[in-house]
Amino acid sequence: MKKLYPIEIITDSENTVYLPTDFEANPPLKRLAFGALSKDATIKKHPKPRNTVGISSDLFKDLLFPSSTSTVHLFIEEETLYAGPLVGIFTSGFSTIKVRPIGDRSILFSKLLSVQKTVGVIAFLFGEQHINWETGTINGLFYEDGWKSVKVPFPNVVYDRIPNRRIENLNKIQAVKKRLQKEYSIPWYNPGFFNKLDIYERLLQDDGISDYLPETHALTNFSVIERMLSNFGNVYIKPKNGSLGKGIYQLLYDKKDGYYYTRFKDIDQGNRLMKFDHLEALINHLFENQNLSHYIVQQGIHLIRSEKKSVDFRVHTNKNKDGHWEMTAIAAKIAGAGSVTTHLNNGGTVKTIEELEDTDLTSEEMINKLTKASLQISKALEKQMEGFIGEIGFDLGLDRKGRVWLFEANAKPGRSIFKHPSLRKFDLETRRKSLEYAVYLMEQNIHSLEDIYQ
């Protein structure tokens, strides 16, 4: 079991580390490593029983431990003692305003960094402009009763929090990512954004997951929509790389009156319902001068309802410090009046599952079904995707027969559901787990790669 140890600064010794009494260290240890820095040191047990890690003040300073460091995990490989993990949270959009160095996201990141001591990581924010490649150091942004810049070594692990696809694809961002991973062997988790059709096609290959997948296709011609409307009664057209429910259209076909209907959110007029004689007229109206290849068409599901409104669910999963998936948050989202989705910006509301009324399933049944599905899909996605995935946000549905459906998987899930007072406990847990995974990655990395820290 991974254990967290308090740090004690020793002032009466030089270049020395005192190991906690209960820490098992059989081989002789000759070096202390922090981030990408290491130094020869005298490493021995405390002379008297003491479950702290004592580090001499000169060693603490030479290895660039931030002064705020109070707890660490310890690992051994060969003759080196590793303290950490030092976690760099990589993002963009920095400003020159000291109290809000990352603009509107400053509060979000301050909350994330506020849990690091209880998790046992040393975490900081950085962008490509904060890296000094010549010295192998970063002027990282730390948060503790305010923001401050501190010089630290290159980290043990990088947590990717690039905000959007456009920035992610910039050459300078890709260059940083490639260099830290290739030249410095630093694990980088939660890279990239998911593409809806790509995720669907990958998961379709897994027989254990395919039952969760609504029929989904690239939008190539009218006949695909026509057939799916005939089979399912309603379909959704979504951007392949969309987010926040933007650009989503629901199409319905009424066999009795022979008309086609569409629901969508208009920027100027809000939620709208339109009626057409022909499918071609509908498509031409909605997608005039747009490239249909940027969209997918997906089977519509008759979802369970509460208060006579459709309900779907946001479920978060995270990897813990043992490298295992956990369900860390779950919430119900109720569609707004006339809305095509349950998103809050479309008039939707968030509730706990226990707050739902008049549903066909009990809250316990819903939680059990959604938890099982989200963990199964998380494991399947991890096998199918490149890189390290530490967290996923799922949009899941339950139909009126109790079957679970996967609508979307998000590599960088939003956090709007946590504004609900009863869901704030999940907010804390997801923040903790998103940093906790770095402990596992650090341990795996130092045991699998030799001579990383030179």
Protein backbone atom coordinates (compact mmCIF):
# COMPACT_ATOMS: atom_id res chain seq x y z
CA MET A 1 0.00 0.00 0.00
CA LYS A 2 1.31 3.43 -0.96
CA LYS A 3 1.85 5.56 2.12
CA LEU A 4 2.16 9.31 2.54
CA TYR A 5 4.95 10.69 4.73
CA PRO A 6 5.34 14.16 6.26
CA ILE A 7 8.57 16.00 5.41
CA GLU A 8 10.82 17.26 8.19
CA ILE A 9 13.62 19.72 7.33
CA ILE A 10 16.87 18.79 9.11
CA THR A 11 19.25 21.66 9.92
CA ASP A 12 21.99 19.84 11.86
CA SER A 13 23.11 17.55 8.99
CA GLU A 14 24.24 18.04 5.41
CA ASN A 15 23.32 16.07 2.28
CA THR A 16 21.36 13.60 4.41
CA VAL A 17 18.00 11.88 4.31
CA TYR A 18 16.43 10.13 7.31
CA LEU A 19 13.93 7.43 6.35
CA PRO A 20 10.67 6.87 8.24
CA THR A 21 10.87 4.01 10.72
CA ASP A 22 8.18 1.95 8.97
CA PHE A 23 9.59 2.45 5.46
CA GLU A 24 11.11 -0.72 4.06
CA ALA A 25 14.46 -0.05 2.39
CA ASN A 26 16.62 -3.14 2.01
CA PRO A 27 19.16 -2.16 -0.66
CA PRO A 28 21.75 0.52 0.16
CA LEU A 29 20.47 3.88 -1.06
CA LYS A 30 22.88 6.49 -2.40
CA ARG A 31 20.79 9.13 -4.21
CA LEU A 32 17.67 11.22 -3.64
CA ALA A 33 15.58 12.21 -6.68
CA PHE A 34 12.89 14.86 -6.95
CA GLY A 35 11.30 15.43 -10.33
CA ALA A 36 14.05 15.19 -12.96
CA LEU A 37 16.79 16.19 -10.49
CA SER A 38 18.81 13.81 -8.32
CA LYS A 39 21.81 14.08 -6.01
CA ASP A 40 24.10 11.77 -4.11
CA ALA A 41 23.16 11.69 -0.44
CA THR A 42 23.61 9.81 2.82
CA ILE A 43 20.34 7.94 3.32
CA LYS A 44 19.63 6.13 6.58
CA LYS A 45 16.93 5.41 9.14
CA HIS A 46 16.00 7.91 11.82
CA PRO A 47 18.12 7.22 14.94
CA LYS A 48 14.90 7.05 16.96
CA PRO A 49 11.43 5.78 15.89
CA ARG A 50 9.90 8.49 13.72
CA ASN A 51 7.50 8.23 10.76
CA THR A 52 8.64 11.31 8.89
CA VAL A 53 11.11 11.69 6.04
CA GLY A 54 13.90 13.98 7.21
CA ILE A 55 15.68 15.95 4.47
CA SER A 56 18.64 18.18 5.22
CA SER A 57 18.00 21.81 4.34
CA ASP A 58 20.82 21.97 1.77
CA LEU A 59 19.51 18.90 -0.07
CA PHE A 60 15.96 20.29 0.07
CA LYS A 61 17.22 23.50 -1.56
CA ASP A 62 19.54 21.87 -4.14
CA LEU A 63 16.77 19.61 -5.49
CA LEU A 64 14.38 22.58 -5.76
CA PHE A 65 11.69 21.28 -3.42
CA PRO A 66 9.06 24.07 -3.15
CA SER A 67 9.01 25.52 0.35
CA SER A 68 5.33 24.57 0.64
CA THR A 69 6.13 20.83 0.26
CA SER A 70 4.86 19.07 3.38
CA THR A 71 4.17 15.45 2.37
CA VAL A 72 5.54 12.99 -0.20
CA HIS A 73 5.32 9.42 -1.38
CA LEU A 74 8.59 7.45 -1.40
CA PHE A 75 9.71 4.85 -3.96
CA ILE A 76 12.94 2.92 -4.47
CA GLU A 77 14.58 1.77 -7.68
CA GLU A 78 18.16 0.47 -7.73
CA GLU A 79 20.09 2.72 -5.33
CA THR A 80 17.85 5.79 -5.68
CA LEU A 81 15.14 7.06 -3.35
CA TYR A 82 12.42 8.91 -5.25
CA ALA A 83 10.26 11.52 -3.49
CA GLY A 84 7.12 12.87 -5.14
CA PRO A 85 5.31 12.87 -7.38
CA LEU A 86 5.99 16.31 -8.78
CA VAL A 87 3.04 16.90 -11.11
CA GLY A 88 3.02 19.54 -13.82
CA ILE A 89 -0.46 20.56 -14.99
CA PHE A 90 0.04 21.70 -18.57
CA THR A 91 -2.34 24.28 -20.00
CA SER A 92 -2.53 27.56 -21.92
CA GLY A 93 -4.21 30.95 -21.73
CA PHE A 94 -1.99 32.56 -19.10
CA SER A 95 -2.37 36.26 -18.35
CA THR A 96 -0.14 38.85 -16.68
CA ILE A 97 -2.64 39.46 -13.88
CA LYS A 98 -1.08 37.96 -10.74
CA VAL A 99 -4.35 37.29 -8.91
CA ARG A 100 -5.85 35.60 -12.00
CA PRO A 101 -2.88 34.14 -13.87
CA ILE A 102 -5.02 31.77 -15.94
CA GLY A 103 -7.93 34.14 -16.54
CA ASP A 104 -11.45 32.86 -15.90
CA ARG A 105 -10.09 29.36 -15.16
CA SER A 106 -7.98 30.58 -12.23
CA ILE A 107 -10.61 29.56 -9.66
CA LEU A 108 -11.00 26.12 -11.24
CA PHE A 109 -7.24 25.49 -11.06
CA SER A 110 -6.90 26.92 -7.55
CA LYS A 111 -9.51 24.38 -6.40
CA LEU A 112 -7.65 21.59 -8.15
CA LEU A 113 -4.33 22.54 -6.57
CA SER A 114 -5.90 22.97 -3.13
CA VAL A 115 -6.29 19.20 -2.67
CA GLN A 116 -2.69 18.24 -3.44
CA LYS A 117 -1.48 17.90 0.15
CA THR A 118 -4.19 15.43 1.11
CA VAL A 119 -3.42 13.42 -2.03
CA GLY A 120 0.34 13.50 -1.49
CA VAL A 121 1.49 15.16 -4.69
CA ILE A 122 3.31 18.43 -5.38
CA ALA A 123 1.37 20.03 -8.21
CA PHE A 124 1.82 23.22 -10.22
CA LEU A 125 0.53 24.89 -13.39
CA PHE A 126 2.72 25.62 -16.38
CA GLY A 127 2.62 26.49 -20.07
CA GLU A 128 5.19 26.27 -22.83
CA GLN A 129 6.48 29.77 -21.96
CA HIS A 130 7.43 28.70 -18.42
CA ILE A 131 9.94 26.03 -19.48
CA ASN A 132 13.71 26.60 -19.38
CA TRP A 133 15.09 23.80 -21.55
CA GLU A 134 18.73 24.73 -20.87
CA THR A 135 18.48 24.29 -17.10
CA GLY A 136 15.80 21.59 -17.10
CA THR A 137 13.56 23.69 -14.86
CA ILE A 138 10.10 25.23 -14.97
CA ASN A 139 8.83 28.44 -13.40
CA GLY A 140 5.69 26.76 -12.15
CA LEU A 141 2.62 28.46 -10.73
CA PHE A 142 1.70 27.23 -7.24
CA TYR A 143 -1.39 28.09 -5.25
CA GLU A 144 -1.50 28.45 -1.48
CA ASP A 145 -3.45 31.46 -0.17
CA GLY A 146 -2.61 33.09 -3.49
CA TRP A 147 -0.60 32.43 -6.63
CA LYS A 148 3.18 32.47 -6.79
CA SER A 149 5.87 31.42 -9.25
CA VAL A 150 8.41 28.84 -8.06
CA LYS A 151 11.33 27.29 -9.95
CA VAL A 152 11.06 23.49 -9.93
CA PRO A 153 12.65 20.59 -11.84
CA PHE A 154 10.91 18.94 -14.77
CA PRO A 155 8.06 16.91 -13.23
CA ASN A 156 7.61 13.16 -12.75
CA VAL A 157 4.23 13.30 -14.49
CA VAL A 158 2.29 15.77 -16.67
CA TYR A 159 -1.48 16.17 -16.42
CA ASP A 160 -2.87 17.61 -19.68
CA ARG A 161 -5.43 20.40 -19.23
CA ILE A 162 -5.20 22.09 -22.64
CA PRO A 163 -8.65 23.74 -23.01
CA ASN A 164 -9.58 23.01 -26.64
CA ARG A 165 -8.64 21.26 -29.87
CA ARG A 166 -7.46 24.41 -31.65
CA ILE A 167 -4.80 25.14 -29.04
CA GLU A 168 -3.88 21.50 -28.71
CA ASN A 169 -3.01 21.36 -32.41
CA LEU A 170 -0.64 24.34 -32.30
CA ASN A 171 2.92 23.39 -33.26
CA LYS A 172 4.44 24.87 -30.09
CA ILE A 173 2.08 22.84 -27.88
CA GLN A 174 2.76 19.62 -29.78
CA ALA A 175 6.51 20.29 -29.59
CA VAL A 176 6.46 20.58 -25.79
CA LYS A 177 4.42 17.42 -25.45
CA LYS A 178 6.66 15.43 -27.77
CA ARG A 179 9.92 16.63 -26.21
CA LEU A 180 8.95 15.99 -22.58
CA GLN A 181 7.67 12.53 -23.42
CA LYS A 182 10.38 11.43 -25.84
CA GLU A 183 13.51 13.08 -24.44
CA TYR A 184 12.66 13.01 -20.74
CA SER A 185 10.41 9.91 -20.57
CA ILE A 186 7.75 11.80 -18.61
CA PRO A 187 4.31 10.12 -18.56
CA TRP A 188 1.63 12.44 -19.94
CA TYR A 189 -1.96 11.69 -19.03
CA ASN A 190 -5.30 12.73 -20.49
CA PRO A 191 -3.84 13.77 -23.85
CA GLY A 192 -6.13 14.90 -26.63
CA PHE A 193 -9.88 15.14 -27.12
CA PHE A 194 -12.20 12.33 -28.15
CA ASN A 195 -13.83 12.25 -31.58
CA LYS A 196 -17.39 10.89 -31.33
CA LEU A 197 -17.28 8.68 -34.42
CA ASP A 198 -13.77 7.43 -33.65
CA ILE A 199 -14.82 6.43 -30.12
CA TYR A 200 -17.91 4.65 -31.45
CA GLU A 201 -15.95 2.69 -34.05
CA ARG A 202 -13.28 1.65 -31.56
CA LEU A 203 -15.77 0.52 -28.93
CA LEU A 204 -17.84 -1.35 -31.52
CA GLN A 205 -14.94 -3.80 -31.78
CA ASP A 206 -15.47 -4.85 -28.15
CA ASP A 207 -18.31 -7.38 -27.90
CA GLY A 208 -18.77 -6.64 -24.21
CA ILE A 209 -19.42 -2.96 -24.90
CA SER A 210 -21.31 -2.94 -28.21
CA ASP A 211 -24.71 -3.37 -26.51
CA TYR A 212 -24.26 0.08 -24.94
CA LEU A 213 -23.81 1.79 -28.31
CA PRO A 214 -26.66 3.44 -30.22
CA GLU A 215 -26.31 3.05 -33.98
CA THR A 216 -24.04 5.83 -35.20
CA HIS A 217 -22.75 6.76 -38.67
CA ALA A 218 -20.87 9.49 -40.44
CA LEU A 219 -23.39 11.82 -42.08
CA THR A 220 -22.75 11.11 -45.75
CA ASN A 221 -26.18 11.18 -47.41
CA PHE A 222 -29.93 11.53 -46.84
CA SER A 223 -30.62 7.80 -47.21
CA VAL A 224 -28.79 7.02 -43.93
CA ILE A 225 -31.05 9.46 -42.07
CA GLU A 226 -34.15 8.22 -43.85
CA ARG A 227 -33.47 4.59 -42.94
CA MET A 228 -32.65 5.40 -39.30
CA LEU A 229 -35.76 7.55 -38.93
CA SER A 230 -37.83 4.67 -40.28
CA ASN A 231 -36.23 2.28 -37.79
CA PHE A 232 -36.09 4.46 -34.67
CA GLY A 233 -38.56 7.32 -35.14
CA ASN A 234 -36.01 9.94 -34.17
CA VAL A 235 -32.27 10.56 -34.63
CA TYR A 236 -29.70 13.08 -33.47
CA ILE A 237 -27.26 14.90 -35.70
CA LYS A 238 -24.13 15.99 -33.81
CA PRO A 239 -20.76 17.58 -34.65
CA LYS A 240 -18.00 14.96 -34.56
CA ASN A 241 -15.88 17.19 -32.36
CA GLY A 242 -18.59 19.16 -30.59
CA SER A 243 -18.98 19.95 -26.90
CA LEU A 244 -21.46 21.53 -24.47
CA GLY A 245 -24.41 20.42 -26.59
CA LYS A 246 -23.67 22.97 -29.31
CA GLY A 247 -24.83 22.29 -32.86
CA ILE A 248 -27.01 19.28 -31.98
CA TYR A 249 -30.26 18.64 -33.89
CA GLN A 250 -33.00 16.14 -33.14
CA LEU A 251 -34.89 14.90 -36.22
CA LEU A 252 -38.26 13.18 -35.93
CA TYR A 253 -40.57 11.60 -38.49
CA ASP A 254 -44.29 11.32 -37.78
CA LYS A 255 -45.65 8.40 -39.83
CA LYS A 256 -49.23 9.52 -39.25
CA ASP A 257 -48.99 13.00 -40.73
CA GLY A 258 -45.95 12.31 -42.94
CA TYR A 259 -44.06 15.39 -41.74
CA TYR A 260 -40.45 15.75 -40.61
CA TYR A 261 -39.64 17.76 -37.50
CA THR A 262 -36.44 19.11 -36.02
CA ARG A 263 -35.61 20.47 -32.58
CA PHE A 264 -32.50 22.60 -32.03
CA LYS A 265 -31.24 25.63 -30.18
CA ASP A 266 -31.12 28.83 -32.21
CA ILE A 267 -28.54 31.37 -31.03
CA ASP A 268 -31.02 34.22 -31.37
CA GLN A 269 -34.40 32.57 -30.74
CA GLY A 270 -33.58 29.83 -28.21
CA ASN A 271 -35.08 26.32 -28.41
CA ARG A 272 -37.00 25.84 -31.65
CA LEU A 273 -39.23 23.23 -33.31
CA MET A 274 -39.58 23.32 -37.09
CA LYS A 275 -41.73 21.30 -39.50
CA PHE A 276 -40.92 20.21 -43.09
CA ASP A 277 -42.68 18.32 -45.87
CA HIS A 278 -39.51 16.59 -47.02
CA LEU A 279 -36.29 15.46 -45.37
CA GLU A 280 -34.21 17.07 -48.10
CA ALA A 281 -35.79 20.45 -47.39
CA LEU A 282 -35.06 20.03 -43.68
CA ILE A 283 -31.39 19.14 -44.25
CA ASN A 284 -30.90 21.91 -46.79
CA HIS A 285 -32.38 24.44 -44.39
CA LEU A 286 -30.27 23.39 -41.41
CA PHE A 287 -26.97 22.71 -43.13
CA GLU A 288 -26.86 25.18 -45.99
CA ASN A 289 -23.21 26.06 -46.72
CA GLN A 290 -21.99 23.54 -44.11
CA ASN A 291 -19.86 20.46 -44.61
CA LEU A 292 -21.95 17.41 -43.66
CA SER A 293 -18.79 15.33 -43.17
CA HIS A 294 -18.23 17.21 -39.91
CA TYR A 295 -21.36 15.58 -38.44
CA ILE A 296 -22.58 12.19 -37.29
CA VAL A 297 -26.11 10.79 -37.15
CA GLN A 298 -27.06 8.77 -34.08
CA GLN A 299 -30.00 6.60 -33.12
CA GLY A 300 -32.52 8.37 -30.87
CA ILE A 301 -33.40 6.60 -27.60
CA HIS A 302 -36.71 6.76 -25.72
CA LEU A 303 -35.24 7.78 -22.38
CA ILE A 304 -36.74 7.37 -18.95
CA ARG A 305 -38.60 10.46 -17.82
CA SER A 306 -38.99 12.44 -14.65
CA GLU A 307 -41.59 15.18 -14.27
CA LYS A 308 -42.61 14.26 -17.86
CA LYS A 309 -39.19 15.32 -19.17
CA SER A 310 -36.37 13.21 -20.61
CA VAL A 311 -33.46 12.36 -18.31
CA ASP A 312 -29.90 11.33 -19.03
CA PHE A 313 -26.88 11.05 -16.75
CA ARG A 314 -23.38 12.46 -16.39
CA VAL A 315 -21.01 9.90 -14.86
CA HIS A 316 -17.34 10.55 -14.06
CA THR A 317 -14.74 7.82 -13.72
CA ASN A 318 -11.16 8.25 -12.52
CA LYS A 319 -8.05 6.13 -12.16
CA ASN A 320 -6.87 5.94 -8.53
CA LYS A 321 -3.31 5.71 -7.17
CA ASP A 322 -3.38 1.93 -7.64
CA GLY A 323 -4.23 2.33 -11.32
CA HIS A 324 -7.82 1.07 -10.96
CA TRP A 325 -10.95 2.73 -12.33
CA GLU A 326 -13.50 4.16 -9.89
CA MET A 327 -16.87 5.79 -10.43
CA THR A 328 -16.37 9.17 -8.76
CA ALA A 329 -19.46 11.21 -9.65
CA ILE A 330 -22.96 10.63 -10.93
CA ALA A 331 -25.78 13.09 -11.62
CA ALA A 332 -29.10 13.22 -13.43
CA LYS A 333 -29.73 15.88 -16.09
CA ILE A 334 -33.31 16.77 -16.93
CA ALA A 335 -34.11 18.36 -20.29
CA GLY A 336 -35.52 21.88 -20.38
CA ALA A 337 -38.84 22.67 -22.04
CA GLY A 338 -38.53 22.08 -25.78
CA SER A 339 -34.81 21.41 -25.53
CA VAL A 340 -32.98 18.97 -27.76
CA THR A 341 -30.48 18.10 -25.00
CA THR A 342 -30.23 18.10 -21.21
CA HIS A 343 -27.33 20.59 -21.16
CA LEU A 344 -27.66 23.42 -18.65
CA ASN A 345 -27.12 26.06 -21.34
CA ASN A 346 -30.17 24.63 -23.12
CA GLY A 347 -32.39 25.05 -20.07
CA GLY A 348 -31.63 21.69 -18.46
CA THR A 349 -31.44 21.12 -14.72
CA VAL A 350 -29.18 18.92 -12.60
CA LYS A 351 -30.40 16.69 -9.78
CA THR A 352 -29.08 13.82 -7.75
CA ILE A 353 -30.49 10.47 -8.81
CA GLU A 354 -32.30 10.25 -5.47
CA GLU A 355 -34.19 13.47 -6.33
CA LEU A 356 -35.76 12.05 -9.51
CA GLU A 357 -39.51 11.53 -9.39
CA ASP A 358 -41.89 9.08 -11.11
CA THR A 359 -39.20 6.95 -12.74
CA ASP A 360 -39.59 3.29 -13.71
CA LEU A 361 -36.41 2.29 -11.86
CA THR A 362 -35.34 2.84 -8.25
CA SER A 363 -32.38 5.12 -7.55
CA GLU A 364 -30.35 2.09 -6.43
CA GLU A 365 -31.09 0.25 -9.69
CA MET A 366 -30.09 3.27 -11.75
CA ILE A 367 -26.84 3.83 -9.84
CA ASN A 368 -25.86 0.15 -10.09
CA LYS A 369 -26.54 -0.02 -13.84
CA LEU A 370 -24.74 3.23 -14.62
CA THR A 371 -21.75 2.41 -12.41
CA LYS A 372 -21.29 -1.02 -13.99
CA ALA A 373 -21.54 0.38 -17.51
CA SER A 374 -19.21 3.34 -16.91
CA LEU A 375 -16.47 1.14 -15.44
CA GLN A 376 -16.78 -1.40 -18.27
CA ILE A 377 -16.58 1.32 -20.92
CA SER A 378 -13.65 3.03 -19.14
CA LYS A 379 -11.61 -0.19 -19.25
CA ALA A 380 -12.54 -0.80 -22.88
CA LEU A 381 -11.62 2.76 -23.91
CA GLU A 382 -8.30 2.49 -22.14
CA LYS A 383 -7.44 -0.56 -24.23
CA GLN A 384 -8.50 1.12 -27.47
CA MET A 385 -6.89 4.55 -27.03
CA GLU A 386 -3.26 5.62 -27.12
CA GLY A 387 -1.60 7.21 -24.10
CA PHE A 388 -2.57 7.32 -20.44
CA ILE A 389 -6.22 8.07 -19.63
CA GLY A 390 -6.89 9.13 -16.05
CA GLU A 391 -10.45 10.45 -16.19
CA ILE A 392 -13.52 10.26 -18.42
CA GLY A 393 -16.88 12.00 -18.34
CA PHE A 394 -19.73 9.94 -19.78
CA ASP A 395 -23.14 11.01 -21.01
CA LEU A 396 -25.25 7.89 -20.47
CA GLY A 397 -28.93 7.20 -20.93
CA LEU A 398 -31.39 4.65 -19.56
CA ASP A 399 -34.30 3.68 -21.79
CA ARG A 400 -37.72 2.77 -20.45
CA LYS A 401 -36.73 -0.92 -20.31
CA GLY A 402 -33.72 -0.14 -18.13
CA ARG A 403 -31.05 -0.59 -20.83
CA VAL A 404 -27.95 1.63 -20.58
CA TRP A 405 -26.84 3.63 -23.64
CA LEU A 406 -23.59 5.53 -24.21
CA PHE A 407 -24.11 8.87 -25.94
CA GLU A 408 -20.73 10.51 -25.45
CA ALA A 409 -17.37 10.03 -23.73
CA ASN A 410 -15.41 13.16 -22.86
CA ALA A 411 -11.63 13.16 -22.30
CA LYS A 412 -11.80 16.51 -20.50
CA PRO A 413 -15.19 16.48 -18.76
CA GLY A 414 -16.86 19.71 -17.74
CA ARG A 415 -17.71 20.41 -14.11
CA SER A 416 -21.02 22.26 -14.30
CA ILE A 417 -22.92 19.46 -12.50
CA PHE A 418 -20.97 20.22 -9.33
CA LYS A 419 -22.77 23.53 -8.83
CA HIS A 420 -25.61 21.48 -7.33
CA PRO A 421 -25.17 21.63 -3.52
CA SER A 422 -25.66 17.88 -3.05
CA LEU A 423 -23.00 17.08 -5.69
CA ARG A 424 -20.15 19.09 -4.17
CA LYS A 425 -18.80 15.99 -2.43
CA PHE A 426 -18.28 14.54 -5.92
CA ASP A 427 -16.47 17.73 -6.95
CA LEU A 428 -13.87 17.17 -4.23
CA GLU A 429 -13.50 13.47 -4.97
CA THR A 430 -12.99 13.95 -8.72
CA ARG A 431 -10.36 16.64 -8.08
CA ARG A 432 -8.52 14.38 -5.65
CA LYS A 433 -8.58 11.39 -7.98
CA SER A 434 -7.44 13.40 -11.01
CA LEU A 435 -4.17 14.15 -9.17
CA GLU A 436 -3.95 10.82 -7.34
CA TYR A 437 -3.42 8.91 -10.59
CA ALA A 438 -0.03 10.64 -10.88
CA VAL A 439 1.21 8.59 -7.90
CA TYR A 440 0.57 5.39 -9.84
CA LEU A 441 2.16 6.71 -13.04
CA MET A 442 5.29 7.85 -11.20
CA GLU A 443 5.75 4.47 -9.54
CA GLN A 444 5.22 2.58 -12.80
CA ASN A 445 7.60 4.84 -14.67
CA ILE A 446 10.55 4.61 -12.28
CA HIS A 447 10.24 0.84 -12.11
CA SER A 448 10.01 0.37 -15.88
CA LEU A 449 12.64 2.77 -17.15
CA GLU A 450 16.25 2.82 -15.99
CA ASP A 451 18.48 5.86 -15.73
CA ILE A 452 15.70 8.41 -16.30
CA TYR A 453 17.18 10.86 -13.83
CA GLN A 454 20.68 11.78 -14.97
